[in-house]
Amino acid sequence: MQLTHLKKPIFKWQVSGVLLLSLLSGFALLATPVGQRLIAGPKPLYAYPFSLSLKSDNQQTVESAISFYQGRVQQRPEDGLDRAALAGAYLKMARVTGAANWYLLAEQEARQSLANLPFDNDGAVMVLAEVAQAKHEFAEAIRLANQVSGANSLTVVVTSKLAMGQLAEAETAADAMVDFVPALGSLSFRGLVRMARGNRAGALSDFQQAIAAEEPGEQRGSAQVRTFLGRLYAEQGKSEQAEKLYREALEIVPDYPLALQHLAQLETRQGHYRAARRQYSRLGRWATLQGVALQGMARVKGLQGRSAESEWQSAEAVLRSQIDQNALGHRRDLAHLLLERGQDQDVSEAITLMQTEVQNRRDAETLDLLAWALLRGGRQQEARIAIREALDQGVQDAGIFYRAADIETALNNSAKAKEYIRLAQAIDPTFDQQTRQRLGLVTPLVTPQ
């Protein structure tokens, strides 16, 4: 039989063949990664679009690189480039494991590389710059990075200027980095600078563009930018969006420390104490963050109405040991612990720690902690100077505005205190005194016995 209403006759067996081919093509599509994504339905917020099986830096791959370059160096100990490559592998291991001893090995190998090859050895110079940054020697990190051209050197300049509170210069360097290569890393760090300056719209745009520009094999960068974006949402009280981003970051890089730390803080803020303890427990596997993790667990236990004295002592012991053993900078963490624990005899040490820290590091968070220490020590005018320097950077952080209100209250300036609280509420309408308690931004009102 023919279908005669068409200009050319089409037989039913031809129609059936077309339908069969269409069905077979459909089944073939469903067998592909694209088809599988269609079956799975909508992806979570800013879902990672690539296979997680693709090669990236992990402990096993970095160990292989270290073994390879160690063999090369043994064969040619006078070679500078092989030693620079080995130093770079040690630095990657420091990032992957969080163990401070790898920074020391990286620094030693980079210095020997430069002794063997003093010129045209950018790899060794960059290793020394990144180690200096890890040690909070930001001026030295910038000096070294300025000897090298390229996006990596600009990254060190941007993040070091950011830590020093030199935000205008940080943004200039970030703009140059994006102009040089508008990619995942450069856009992520410019977004971080813009967030520090209070430019939330610009930060959001940069983070979104960074995610759009990500490529396979950049898992750590992909996890990092989602954590940055999650923090941007969390600071506005948008907990649901923040949590999705932190969890997506942890899907990309399981146990990624920055995401674990922010997710633990978010769970604590929401009163999800068991979940917070789980995240802090995972964070504690990172040697350099063990003290921070223990402090978080002590905070959670106290919020549950239980005595946390042993946890505070353990956290303090770890932080002091880390300060004694290496120069990777835990003074701010220890000062925070001393202030949060709330013992009057600790205040003078906290002030000393923070006065030392701000000689190198003057970002808003550091200045806020200095202001807290000075306020606890009865030095309100100095506290006001410190917190105003933080606010002058443009930071949009409700906790810092609440600190400014505390200081003005202590100075009997209730009108200014109310203004700061109003500004804090405009930034994050969900932020209140309970939030401050849960985030460890104030001394507990009652110490559990």
Protein backbone atom coordinates (compact mmCIF):
# COMPACT_ATOMS: atom_id res chain seq x y z
CA MET A 1 0.00 0.00 0.00
CA GLN A 2 1.15 3.53 -0.81
CA LEU A 3 0.78 6.75 1.15
CA THR A 4 -0.67 8.67 -1.81
CA HIS A 5 -1.18 12.10 -0.32
CA LEU A 6 2.55 12.84 -0.76
CA LYS A 7 4.08 13.87 -4.05
CA LYS A 8 6.29 10.75 -4.14
CA PRO A 9 4.91 7.41 -3.02
CA ILE A 10 6.30 6.07 0.26
CA PHE A 11 5.65 2.47 1.23
CA LYS A 12 4.85 1.38 4.80
CA TRP A 13 7.93 -0.81 4.94
CA GLN A 14 10.05 2.32 4.31
CA VAL A 15 8.37 4.15 7.20
CA SER A 16 8.96 1.16 9.48
CA GLY A 17 12.63 1.12 8.49
CA VAL A 18 13.04 4.78 9.32
CA LEU A 19 11.40 4.25 12.71
CA LEU A 20 13.64 1.27 13.43
CA LEU A 21 16.75 3.24 12.54
CA SER A 22 15.59 6.08 14.78
CA LEU A 23 15.07 3.70 17.69
CA LEU A 24 18.47 2.11 17.18
CA SER A 25 20.09 5.56 17.04
CA GLY A 26 18.29 6.51 20.23
CA PHE A 27 19.54 3.43 22.06
CA ALA A 28 23.04 4.12 20.78
CA LEU A 29 22.85 7.68 22.11
CA LEU A 30 21.75 6.45 25.53
CA ALA A 31 24.86 4.28 25.67
CA THR A 32 27.11 7.32 25.30
CA PRO A 33 28.21 9.68 28.16
CA VAL A 34 25.81 12.31 26.78
CA GLY A 35 22.96 9.83 26.88
CA GLN A 36 23.83 8.77 30.40
CA ARG A 37 23.68 12.41 31.51
CA LEU A 38 20.21 12.69 29.92
CA ILE A 39 19.02 9.62 31.84
CA ALA A 40 20.49 10.93 35.10
CA GLY A 41 18.38 14.08 34.84
CA PRO A 42 19.32 17.57 36.11
CA LYS A 43 22.83 18.02 37.49
CA PRO A 44 23.54 19.67 40.85
CA LEU A 45 24.59 23.31 41.03
CA TYR A 46 27.71 23.89 38.90
CA ALA A 47 28.19 20.15 38.36
CA TYR A 48 31.61 19.02 37.15
CA PRO A 49 31.20 18.16 33.43
CA PHE A 50 34.17 15.83 32.98
CA SER A 51 35.02 12.28 33.94
CA LEU A 52 36.61 12.06 37.38
CA SER A 53 38.79 9.21 36.15
CA LEU A 54 40.91 11.62 34.12
CA LYS A 55 44.48 11.99 35.30
CA SER A 56 45.20 14.73 37.82
CA ASP A 57 47.70 15.35 40.57
CA ASN A 58 47.11 12.83 43.35
CA GLN A 59 49.45 11.21 45.81
CA GLN A 60 50.17 8.21 43.61
CA THR A 61 50.98 10.21 40.48
CA VAL A 62 53.12 12.67 42.42
CA GLU A 63 55.00 9.83 44.13
CA SER A 64 55.76 8.43 40.67
CA ALA A 65 57.09 11.80 39.54
CA ILE A 66 59.25 12.11 42.65
CA SER A 67 60.70 8.64 42.11
CA PHE A 68 61.42 9.44 38.46
CA TYR A 69 63.22 12.71 39.15
CA GLN A 70 65.10 11.32 42.13
CA GLY A 71 66.53 8.74 39.74
CA ARG A 72 67.49 11.46 37.27
CA VAL A 73 69.18 13.50 39.99
CA GLN A 74 71.15 10.48 41.19
CA GLN A 75 72.40 9.93 37.66
CA ARG A 76 73.22 13.63 37.07
CA PRO A 77 73.56 15.41 40.43
CA GLU A 78 75.11 18.47 38.76
CA ASP A 79 72.04 19.10 36.58
CA GLY A 80 69.93 22.09 37.57
CA LEU A 81 66.75 21.44 35.62
CA ASP A 82 66.24 17.91 36.96
CA ARG A 83 66.59 19.24 40.49
CA ALA A 84 64.09 22.01 39.72
CA ALA A 85 61.62 19.39 38.47
CA LEU A 86 62.17 17.34 41.64
CA ALA A 87 61.61 20.46 43.77
CA GLY A 88 58.36 21.05 41.90
CA ALA A 89 57.27 17.48 42.56
CA TYR A 90 58.01 17.89 46.28
CA LEU A 91 55.90 21.07 46.25
CA LYS A 92 53.00 19.19 44.63
CA MET A 93 53.26 16.54 47.32
CA ALA A 94 53.03 19.25 49.98
CA ARG A 95 49.78 20.43 48.41
CA VAL A 96 48.36 16.93 48.00
CA THR A 97 49.20 15.68 51.51
CA GLY A 98 49.29 18.88 53.57
CA ALA A 99 52.51 17.69 55.23
CA ALA A 100 54.92 20.55 55.98
CA ASN A 101 58.10 18.49 55.55
CA TRP A 102 57.58 18.43 51.78
CA TYR A 103 57.90 22.22 51.68
CA LEU A 104 61.28 21.91 53.37
CA LEU A 105 62.43 19.31 50.85
CA ALA A 106 61.15 21.46 47.99
CA GLU A 107 63.04 24.49 49.28
CA GLN A 108 66.30 22.55 49.74
CA GLU A 109 66.12 21.02 46.27
CA ALA A 110 65.26 24.37 44.63
CA ARG A 111 68.23 26.07 46.28
CA GLN A 112 70.56 23.31 45.10
CA SER A 113 69.07 23.60 41.62
CA LEU A 114 69.87 27.32 41.55
CA ALA A 115 73.38 26.62 42.81
CA ASN A 116 73.85 24.29 39.83
CA LEU A 117 72.04 26.55 37.35
CA PRO A 118 71.86 30.19 38.54
CA PHE A 119 70.37 31.55 35.30
CA ASP A 120 67.27 30.67 33.23
CA ASN A 121 65.93 28.49 36.02
CA ASP A 122 62.42 29.80 36.48
CA GLY A 123 61.11 26.52 37.87
CA ALA A 124 63.40 26.63 40.91
CA VAL A 125 62.67 30.33 41.51
CA MET A 126 58.93 29.68 41.47
CA VAL A 127 59.27 26.85 43.97
CA LEU A 128 61.10 29.19 46.35
CA ALA A 129 58.41 31.85 45.81
CA GLU A 130 55.62 29.41 46.67
CA VAL A 131 57.46 28.09 49.72
CA ALA A 132 58.00 31.66 50.94
CA GLN A 133 54.29 32.29 50.52
CA ALA A 134 53.45 29.15 52.51
CA LYS A 135 55.72 30.48 55.27
CA HIS A 136 53.81 33.80 55.18
CA GLU A 137 56.93 35.60 53.92
CA PHE A 138 54.81 37.47 51.41
CA ALA A 139 57.24 40.26 50.50
CA GLU A 140 59.91 37.66 49.70
CA ALA A 141 57.39 35.61 47.70
CA ILE A 142 56.56 38.67 45.58
CA ARG A 143 60.24 39.52 45.09
CA LEU A 144 60.95 36.03 43.77
CA ALA A 145 57.80 35.82 41.64
CA ASN A 146 58.64 39.13 39.97
CA GLN A 147 61.80 37.51 38.60
CA VAL A 148 59.65 35.15 36.52
CA SER A 149 57.08 35.89 33.82
CA GLY A 150 53.84 34.05 33.26
CA ALA A 151 50.55 33.23 34.94
CA ASN A 152 52.09 31.21 37.79
CA SER A 153 54.21 34.13 38.95
CA LEU A 154 51.22 36.47 38.80
CA THR A 155 49.22 34.01 40.93
CA VAL A 156 51.82 34.29 43.70
CA VAL A 157 51.79 38.10 43.42
CA VAL A 158 47.98 38.23 43.57
CA THR A 159 47.59 35.93 46.57
CA SER A 160 50.49 37.53 48.46
CA LYS A 161 49.15 41.06 47.89
CA LEU A 162 45.75 39.79 49.00
CA ALA A 163 47.21 38.46 52.25
CA MET A 164 49.07 41.73 52.85
CA GLY A 165 45.86 43.73 52.47
CA GLN A 166 47.15 45.50 49.34
CA LEU A 167 43.96 44.88 47.45
CA ALA A 168 44.23 47.51 44.72
CA GLU A 169 47.63 46.14 43.71
CA ALA A 170 46.27 42.59 43.98
CA GLU A 171 43.43 43.42 41.58
CA THR A 172 45.81 45.09 39.12
CA ALA A 173 47.92 41.93 39.07
CA ALA A 174 44.78 39.80 38.80
CA ASP A 175 43.58 41.80 35.80
CA ALA A 176 46.95 41.29 34.16
CA MET A 177 46.73 37.57 34.86
CA VAL A 178 43.28 37.32 33.26
CA ASP A 179 44.49 39.34 30.26
CA PHE A 180 47.45 36.98 29.95
CA VAL A 181 45.33 33.81 30.09
CA PRO A 182 41.58 34.01 30.86
CA ALA A 183 41.34 30.53 32.32
CA LEU A 184 40.10 28.69 35.40
CA GLY A 185 42.94 29.74 37.70
CA SER A 186 43.24 33.39 36.73
CA LEU A 187 39.49 34.02 36.86
CA SER A 188 39.20 32.21 40.19
CA PHE A 189 41.82 34.36 41.86
CA ARG A 190 40.51 37.61 40.42
CA GLY A 191 37.12 36.64 41.80
CA LEU A 192 38.72 36.09 45.20
CA VAL A 193 40.26 39.58 45.10
CA ARG A 194 36.96 41.12 44.08
CA MET A 195 35.20 39.33 46.91
CA ALA A 196 37.76 40.72 49.37
CA ARG A 197 37.03 44.22 48.03
CA GLY A 198 33.30 43.80 48.48
CA ASN A 199 32.56 43.50 44.75
CA ARG A 200 30.18 40.56 44.98
CA ALA A 201 28.75 40.94 41.47
CA GLY A 202 32.24 40.98 39.96
CA ALA A 203 33.31 38.01 42.07
CA LEU A 204 30.23 36.01 41.06
CA SER A 205 30.86 36.76 37.38
CA ASP A 206 34.50 35.68 37.64
CA PHE A 207 33.71 32.45 39.46
CA GLN A 208 31.01 31.57 36.93
CA GLN A 209 33.37 32.30 34.02
CA ALA A 210 36.09 30.24 35.71
CA ILE A 211 33.79 27.23 35.96
CA ALA A 212 32.77 27.69 32.31
CA ALA A 213 36.45 27.74 31.33
CA GLU A 214 37.56 24.66 33.28
CA GLU A 215 39.22 21.83 31.37
CA PRO A 216 39.79 18.13 32.07
CA GLY A 217 42.65 17.35 34.43
CA GLU A 218 42.23 20.54 36.51
CA GLN A 219 40.31 18.86 39.34
CA ARG A 220 41.92 20.73 42.21
CA GLY A 221 41.32 24.07 40.53
CA SER A 222 37.73 23.06 39.82
CA ALA A 223 37.20 22.09 43.46
CA GLN A 224 38.85 25.31 44.59
CA VAL A 225 36.66 27.67 42.56
CA ARG A 226 33.49 25.92 43.72
CA THR A 227 34.66 26.39 47.29
CA PHE A 228 35.31 30.08 46.64
CA LEU A 229 31.84 30.45 45.15
CA GLY A 230 30.31 28.52 48.03
CA ARG A 231 31.93 30.91 50.47
CA LEU A 232 30.52 33.86 48.53
CA TYR A 233 27.03 32.42 48.98
CA ALA A 234 27.63 31.47 52.63
CA GLU A 235 28.65 35.03 53.50
CA GLN A 236 25.23 36.16 52.27
CA GLY A 237 23.41 33.56 54.36
CA LYS A 238 22.60 31.43 51.29
CA SER A 239 23.42 28.15 53.00
CA GLU A 240 21.70 25.80 50.56
CA GLN A 241 23.68 27.04 47.55
CA ALA A 242 26.90 27.06 49.58
CA GLU A 243 26.43 23.49 50.75
CA LYS A 244 25.77 22.20 47.23
CA LEU A 245 28.98 23.81 45.99
CA TYR A 246 31.09 22.48 48.86
CA ARG A 247 29.75 18.98 48.29
CA GLU A 248 30.34 19.23 44.55
CA ALA A 249 33.94 20.28 45.28
CA LEU A 250 34.33 17.18 47.46
CA GLU A 251 32.91 15.01 44.67
CA ILE A 252 35.63 16.35 42.40
CA VAL A 253 38.46 16.05 44.95
CA PRO A 254 37.48 13.88 47.94
CA ASP A 255 38.78 15.31 51.22
CA TYR A 256 39.73 18.61 49.56
CA PRO A 257 40.71 20.50 52.75
CA LEU A 258 39.34 23.96 51.94
CA ALA A 259 35.92 22.53 51.09
CA LEU A 260 35.94 20.32 54.19
CA GLN A 261 36.74 23.27 56.43
CA HIS A 262 34.00 25.48 54.99
CA LEU A 263 31.45 22.66 54.97
CA ALA A 264 32.24 21.91 58.63
CA GLN A 265 31.72 25.59 59.48
CA LEU A 266 28.44 25.64 57.55
CA GLU A 267 27.16 22.51 59.30
CA THR A 268 28.07 24.06 62.64
CA ARG A 269 26.32 27.31 61.76
CA GLN A 270 23.15 25.37 60.91
CA GLY A 271 23.31 23.42 64.18
CA HIS A 272 24.11 20.13 62.43
CA TYR A 273 26.68 19.20 65.04
CA ARG A 274 27.13 15.51 64.23
CA ALA A 275 27.67 16.31 60.57
CA ALA A 276 30.12 19.06 61.52
CA ARG A 277 32.12 16.63 63.67
CA ARG A 278 32.34 14.22 60.74
CA GLN A 279 33.74 16.92 58.48
CA TYR A 280 36.23 18.10 61.10
CA SER A 281 37.32 14.50 61.60
CA ARG A 282 38.05 14.22 57.88
CA LEU A 283 39.85 17.58 57.94
CA GLY A 284 42.07 16.36 60.77
CA ARG A 285 43.72 13.86 58.41
CA TRP A 286 45.60 16.82 56.94
CA ALA A 287 48.65 17.31 59.14
CA THR A 288 48.84 21.09 58.73
CA LEU A 289 45.13 21.47 59.58
CA GLN A 290 44.93 19.07 62.49
CA GLY A 291 44.94 21.87 65.06
CA VAL A 292 42.16 23.74 63.23
CA ALA A 293 40.12 20.53 63.04
CA LEU A 294 40.52 19.84 66.75
CA GLN A 295 39.52 23.41 67.55
CA GLY A 296 36.38 22.98 65.46
CA MET A 297 35.52 19.77 67.28
CA ALA A 298 36.02 21.50 70.63
CA ARG A 299 33.68 24.29 69.51
CA VAL A 300 31.01 21.79 68.45
CA LYS A 301 31.23 19.88 71.71
CA GLY A 302 30.83 23.11 73.68
CA LEU A 303 27.83 24.09 71.59
CA GLN A 304 26.29 20.74 72.49
CA GLY A 305 26.52 21.77 76.14
CA ARG A 306 29.34 19.39 76.98
CA SER A 307 32.73 20.07 78.51
CA ALA A 308 35.37 20.40 75.79
CA GLU A 309 38.41 21.11 77.95
CA SER A 310 40.37 18.09 76.72
CA GLU A 311 39.63 19.00 73.08
CA TRP A 312 40.78 22.59 73.62
CA GLN A 313 43.98 21.33 75.23
CA SER A 314 44.64 18.90 72.37
CA ALA A 315 44.07 21.60 69.75
CA GLU A 316 46.35 24.01 71.61
CA ALA A 317 49.10 21.40 71.93
CA VAL A 318 49.00 20.63 68.20
CA LEU A 319 49.07 24.29 67.18
CA ARG A 320 51.97 25.09 69.51
CA SER A 321 53.89 22.08 68.23
CA GLN A 322 53.33 23.18 64.63
CA ILE A 323 54.58 26.68 65.41
CA ASP A 324 57.68 25.25 67.09
CA GLN A 325 58.44 22.72 64.35
CA ASN A 326 58.02 24.80 61.22
CA ALA A 327 57.52 28.32 59.95
CA LEU A 328 54.34 27.73 57.96
CA GLY A 329 52.31 30.06 60.10
CA HIS A 330 49.80 28.95 62.69
CA ARG A 331 50.00 32.04 64.91
CA ARG A 332 46.61 33.28 63.80
CA ASP A 333 45.01 29.89 64.45
CA LEU A 334 46.49 29.73 67.94
CA ALA A 335 45.39 33.29 68.74
CA HIS A 336 41.86 32.44 67.59
CA LEU A 337 41.81 29.41 69.86
CA LEU A 338 43.01 31.40 72.86
CA LEU A 339 40.35 34.07 72.34
CA GLU A 340 37.52 31.67 71.61
CA ARG A 341 38.30 29.49 74.62
CA GLY A 342 37.74 32.59 76.73
CA GLN A 343 40.35 32.38 79.48
CA ASP A 344 41.48 35.83 80.63
CA GLN A 345 45.09 34.75 81.19
CA ASP A 346 45.41 33.98 77.45
CA VAL A 347 44.52 37.46 76.18
CA SER A 348 47.98 39.03 76.40
CA GLU A 349 49.51 36.14 74.44
CA ALA A 350 46.79 36.42 71.82
CA ILE A 351 47.59 40.12 71.40
CA THR A 352 51.30 39.36 71.02
CA LEU A 353 50.63 36.63 68.47
CA MET A 354 48.43 38.88 66.38
CA GLN A 355 50.74 41.87 66.56
CA THR A 356 53.47 39.62 65.17
CA GLU A 357 51.16 38.22 62.50
CA VAL A 358 50.03 41.59 61.15
CA GLN A 359 53.62 42.58 60.45
CA ASN A 360 53.32 40.30 57.39
CA ARG A 361 49.63 39.67 56.97
CA ARG A 362 47.00 42.42 56.97
CA ASP A 363 43.96 40.94 55.31
CA ALA A 364 40.54 41.68 56.83
CA GLU A 365 40.31 38.38 58.72
CA THR A 366 43.68 38.92 60.40
CA LEU A 367 42.85 42.52 61.33
CA ASP A 368 39.51 41.38 62.74
CA LEU A 369 41.26 38.88 64.98
CA LEU A 370 43.73 41.55 66.13
CA ALA A 371 40.79 43.85 66.92
CA TRP A 372 39.13 41.08 68.96
CA ALA A 373 42.32 40.49 70.96
CA LEU A 374 42.78 44.20 71.63
CA LEU A 375 39.13 44.56 72.66
CA ARG A 376 39.45 41.65 75.07
CA GLY A 377 42.54 43.34 76.48
CA GLY A 378 40.65 46.59 77.15
CA ARG A 379 42.45 48.47 74.38
CA GLN A 380 39.35 49.73 72.61
CA GLN A 381 40.89 52.63 70.70
CA GLU A 382 43.54 50.37 69.16
CA ALA A 383 40.84 47.82 68.38
CA ARG A 384 38.86 50.51 66.56
CA ILE A 385 41.90 51.39 64.41
CA ALA A 386 42.41 47.73 63.47
CA ILE A 387 38.77 47.05 62.60
CA ARG A 388 38.46 50.23 60.56
CA GLU A 389 41.48 49.21 58.53
CA ALA A 390 39.70 45.92 57.84
CA LEU A 391 36.48 47.69 56.83
CA ASP A 392 38.36 50.17 54.64
CA GLN A 393 39.39 47.26 52.43
CA GLY A 394 35.75 46.99 51.37
CA VAL A 395 35.10 43.59 52.93
CA GLN A 396 31.45 42.51 53.07
CA ASP A 397 31.53 40.20 56.08
CA ALA A 398 28.74 40.39 58.64
CA GLY A 399 30.98 39.03 61.39
CA ILE A 400 33.47 41.86 60.96
CA PHE A 401 30.71 44.47 61.10
CA TYR A 402 29.44 42.89 64.32
CA ARG A 403 32.98 43.16 65.73
CA ALA A 404 33.00 46.85 64.83
CA ALA A 405 29.68 47.19 66.68
CA ASP A 406 31.15 45.52 69.78
CA ILE A 407 34.04 47.98 69.76
CA GLU A 408 31.77 51.01 69.39
CA THR A 409 29.57 49.69 72.20
CA ALA A 410 32.64 49.41 74.43
CA LEU A 411 33.45 53.03 73.54
CA ASN A 412 29.88 54.10 74.48
CA ASN A 413 29.03 54.99 70.89
CA SER A 414 25.66 53.24 70.62
CA ALA A 415 24.57 55.08 67.46
CA LYS A 416 27.60 53.88 65.51
CA ALA A 417 27.20 50.38 66.93
CA LYS A 418 23.61 50.25 65.66
CA GLU A 419 24.75 51.44 62.25
CA TYR A 420 27.28 48.61 62.03
CA ILE A 421 24.66 46.05 63.04
CA ARG A 422 22.32 47.40 60.37
CA LEU A 423 25.09 47.02 57.78
CA ALA A 424 25.78 43.47 58.97
CA GLN A 425 22.11 42.57 58.58
CA ALA A 426 22.07 44.03 55.08
CA ILE A 427 24.97 41.76 54.13
CA ASP A 428 23.48 38.61 55.69
CA PRO A 429 19.97 38.88 57.15
CA THR A 430 20.35 35.48 58.84
CA PHE A 431 23.46 36.49 60.80
CA ASP A 432 22.96 37.05 64.54
CA GLN A 433 24.61 36.46 67.91
CA GLN A 434 23.86 32.74 67.74
CA THR A 435 25.66 32.59 64.38
CA ARG A 436 28.67 34.29 65.95
CA GLN A 437 28.71 31.71 68.73
CA ARG A 438 28.47 28.83 66.30
CA LEU A 439 31.27 30.18 64.10
CA GLY A 440 33.59 30.80 67.04
CA LEU A 441 33.69 34.56 66.47
CA VAL A 442 32.99 35.44 70.11
CA THR A 443 33.85 34.01 73.50
CA PRO A 444 31.14 31.59 74.70
CA LEU A 445 28.70 33.20 77.12
CA VAL A 446 28.73 30.13 79.33
CA THR A 447 31.54 27.64 79.56
CA PRO A 448 30.17 24.09 79.99
CA GLN A 449 31.35 22.30 83.11
